[in-house]
Amino acid sequence: MSNESWKVFDLPELMSTLADKPVQYREFLKVPALSCGLYKLAAGAKDMQSPHDEDEIYFVLSGKAKMQLRGSERTVGPGALLYVGATESHSFFEIEEDMTLLVFFATSGQ
């Protein structure tokens, strides 16, 4: 998206670009070693993710749900920081409140 060596993003502005869909992902940065996006899950929505080829970090900005990873579950809410290794099966479920997450993917650089 950009060859600049640095960039400033305004989180409220980025969040205002999300549509009213039950599930939405909007990538706002993609550079050789990293991509970042916002992931929105409406209350009651189904998270249909499949395992990713990259390591991933989620930062929960708002909302509440359970996260399932390797047969374990944990309730997560605002301020939770979650690491998911590449190829790990994971999903959010029992989404009680609309969730917005900041997502960071470590890319292979290709």
Protein backbone atom coordinates (compact mmCIF):
# COMPACT_ATOMS: atom_id res chain seq x y z
CA MET A 1 0.00 0.00 0.00
CA SER A 2 2.84 2.35 0.74
CA ASN A 3 6.59 2.52 0.27
CA GLU A 4 6.94 5.15 2.99
CA SER A 5 9.23 4.31 5.90
CA TRP A 6 6.56 5.37 8.40
CA LYS A 7 2.89 6.23 8.46
CA VAL A 8 0.39 7.45 11.06
CA PHE A 9 -3.09 5.92 11.23
CA ASP A 10 -6.08 7.41 13.02
CA LEU A 11 -7.95 4.54 14.69
CA PRO A 12 -11.36 6.29 14.95
CA GLU A 13 -11.10 7.20 11.26
CA LEU A 14 -10.24 3.61 10.31
CA MET A 15 -13.11 2.28 12.42
CA SER A 16 -15.54 4.67 10.71
CA THR A 17 -14.79 2.96 7.38
CA LEU A 18 -16.18 -0.40 8.54
CA ALA A 19 -19.54 -1.25 7.01
CA ASP A 20 -22.58 -2.65 8.81
CA LYS A 21 -21.90 -6.29 7.97
CA PRO A 22 -21.98 -9.14 10.51
CA VAL A 23 -18.34 -10.04 9.72
CA GLN A 24 -15.83 -7.75 8.08
CA TYR A 25 -12.05 -7.50 7.71
CA ARG A 26 -10.39 -4.34 6.42
CA GLU A 27 -6.66 -4.37 5.82
CA PHE A 28 -5.12 -0.91 6.16
CA LEU A 29 -1.40 -1.67 5.99
CA LYS A 30 0.59 -4.19 3.97
CA VAL A 31 4.37 -4.10 3.82
CA PRO A 32 6.79 -6.97 3.14
CA ALA A 33 7.00 -8.27 6.73
CA LEU A 34 3.66 -7.14 8.21
CA SER A 35 0.02 -6.58 7.46
CA CYS A 36 -2.54 -4.93 9.74
CA GLY A 37 -6.28 -4.71 9.66
CA LEU A 38 -9.47 -4.25 11.59
CA TYR A 39 -11.73 -7.24 12.13
CA LYS A 40 -15.36 -6.68 13.06
CA LEU A 41 -17.73 -9.37 14.36
CA ALA A 42 -21.32 -8.46 15.21
CA ALA A 43 -22.95 -9.98 18.28
CA GLY A 44 -24.20 -13.45 17.37
CA ALA A 45 -22.13 -13.60 14.15
CA LYS A 46 -20.21 -16.71 13.09
CA ASP A 47 -16.45 -16.38 12.80
CA MET A 48 -15.65 -18.47 9.72
CA GLN A 49 -11.85 -18.19 9.84
CA SER A 50 -9.59 -20.97 8.72
CA PRO A 51 -5.98 -21.32 9.89
CA HIS A 52 -3.61 -18.69 8.51
CA ASP A 53 -0.13 -19.21 7.08
CA GLU A 54 1.23 -16.38 9.24
CA ASP A 55 1.66 -15.73 12.95
CA GLU A 56 -1.05 -13.38 14.15
CA ILE A 57 -1.77 -10.99 17.02
CA TYR A 58 -5.27 -9.80 17.91
CA PHE A 59 -5.87 -6.78 20.13
CA VAL A 60 -9.50 -6.56 21.29
CA LEU A 61 -10.64 -2.94 21.02
CA SER A 62 -14.27 -3.54 21.97
CA GLY A 63 -16.79 -6.31 22.50
CA LYS A 64 -16.84 -9.68 24.22
CA ALA A 65 -16.64 -13.27 22.99
CA LYS A 66 -14.95 -16.57 23.60
CA MET A 67 -11.81 -17.59 21.70
CA GLN A 68 -11.16 -21.23 20.89
CA LEU A 69 -7.64 -22.48 20.21
CA ARG A 70 -6.39 -26.08 20.33
CA GLY A 71 -9.44 -27.29 22.22
CA SER A 72 -9.13 -24.58 24.89
CA GLU A 73 -11.48 -21.65 25.30
CA ARG A 74 -11.18 -18.30 26.96
CA THR A 75 -13.47 -15.29 27.29
CA VAL A 76 -11.86 -12.16 25.83
CA GLY A 77 -12.82 -8.51 25.93
CA PRO A 78 -11.38 -5.02 25.56
CA GLY A 79 -7.65 -4.89 26.17
CA ALA A 80 -7.03 -8.61 25.57
CA LEU A 81 -3.96 -9.30 23.46
CA LEU A 82 -3.97 -12.72 21.76
CA TYR A 83 -1.18 -14.49 19.91
CA VAL A 84 -2.03 -17.27 17.44
CA GLY A 85 0.77 -19.19 15.76
CA ALA A 86 0.75 -19.88 12.03
CA THR A 87 -1.52 -22.75 10.93
CA GLU A 88 -3.29 -22.99 14.33
CA SER A 89 -7.04 -23.56 14.09
CA HIS A 90 -8.84 -20.83 16.03
CA SER A 91 -12.10 -18.90 16.11
CA PHE A 92 -14.24 -16.51 18.11
CA PHE A 93 -17.63 -17.83 19.21
CA GLU A 94 -20.50 -16.92 21.54
CA ILE A 95 -19.99 -13.32 20.48
CA GLU A 96 -21.97 -11.51 23.18
CA GLU A 97 -21.19 -7.93 22.12
CA ASP A 98 -20.13 -6.46 18.77
CA MET A 99 -16.36 -6.94 18.58
CA THR A 100 -13.72 -4.86 16.89
CA LEU A 101 -10.18 -6.22 16.83
CA LEU A 102 -6.91 -4.82 15.61
CA VAL A 103 -5.10 -7.64 13.77
CA PHE A 104 -1.39 -7.91 12.97
CA PHE A 105 -0.07 -10.61 10.62
CA ALA A 106 3.64 -11.38 10.33
CA THR A 107 4.06 -12.04 6.62
CA SER A 108 6.69 -14.07 4.84
CA GLY A 109 7.91 -11.02 2.96
CA GLN A 110 6.79 -12.31 -0.44
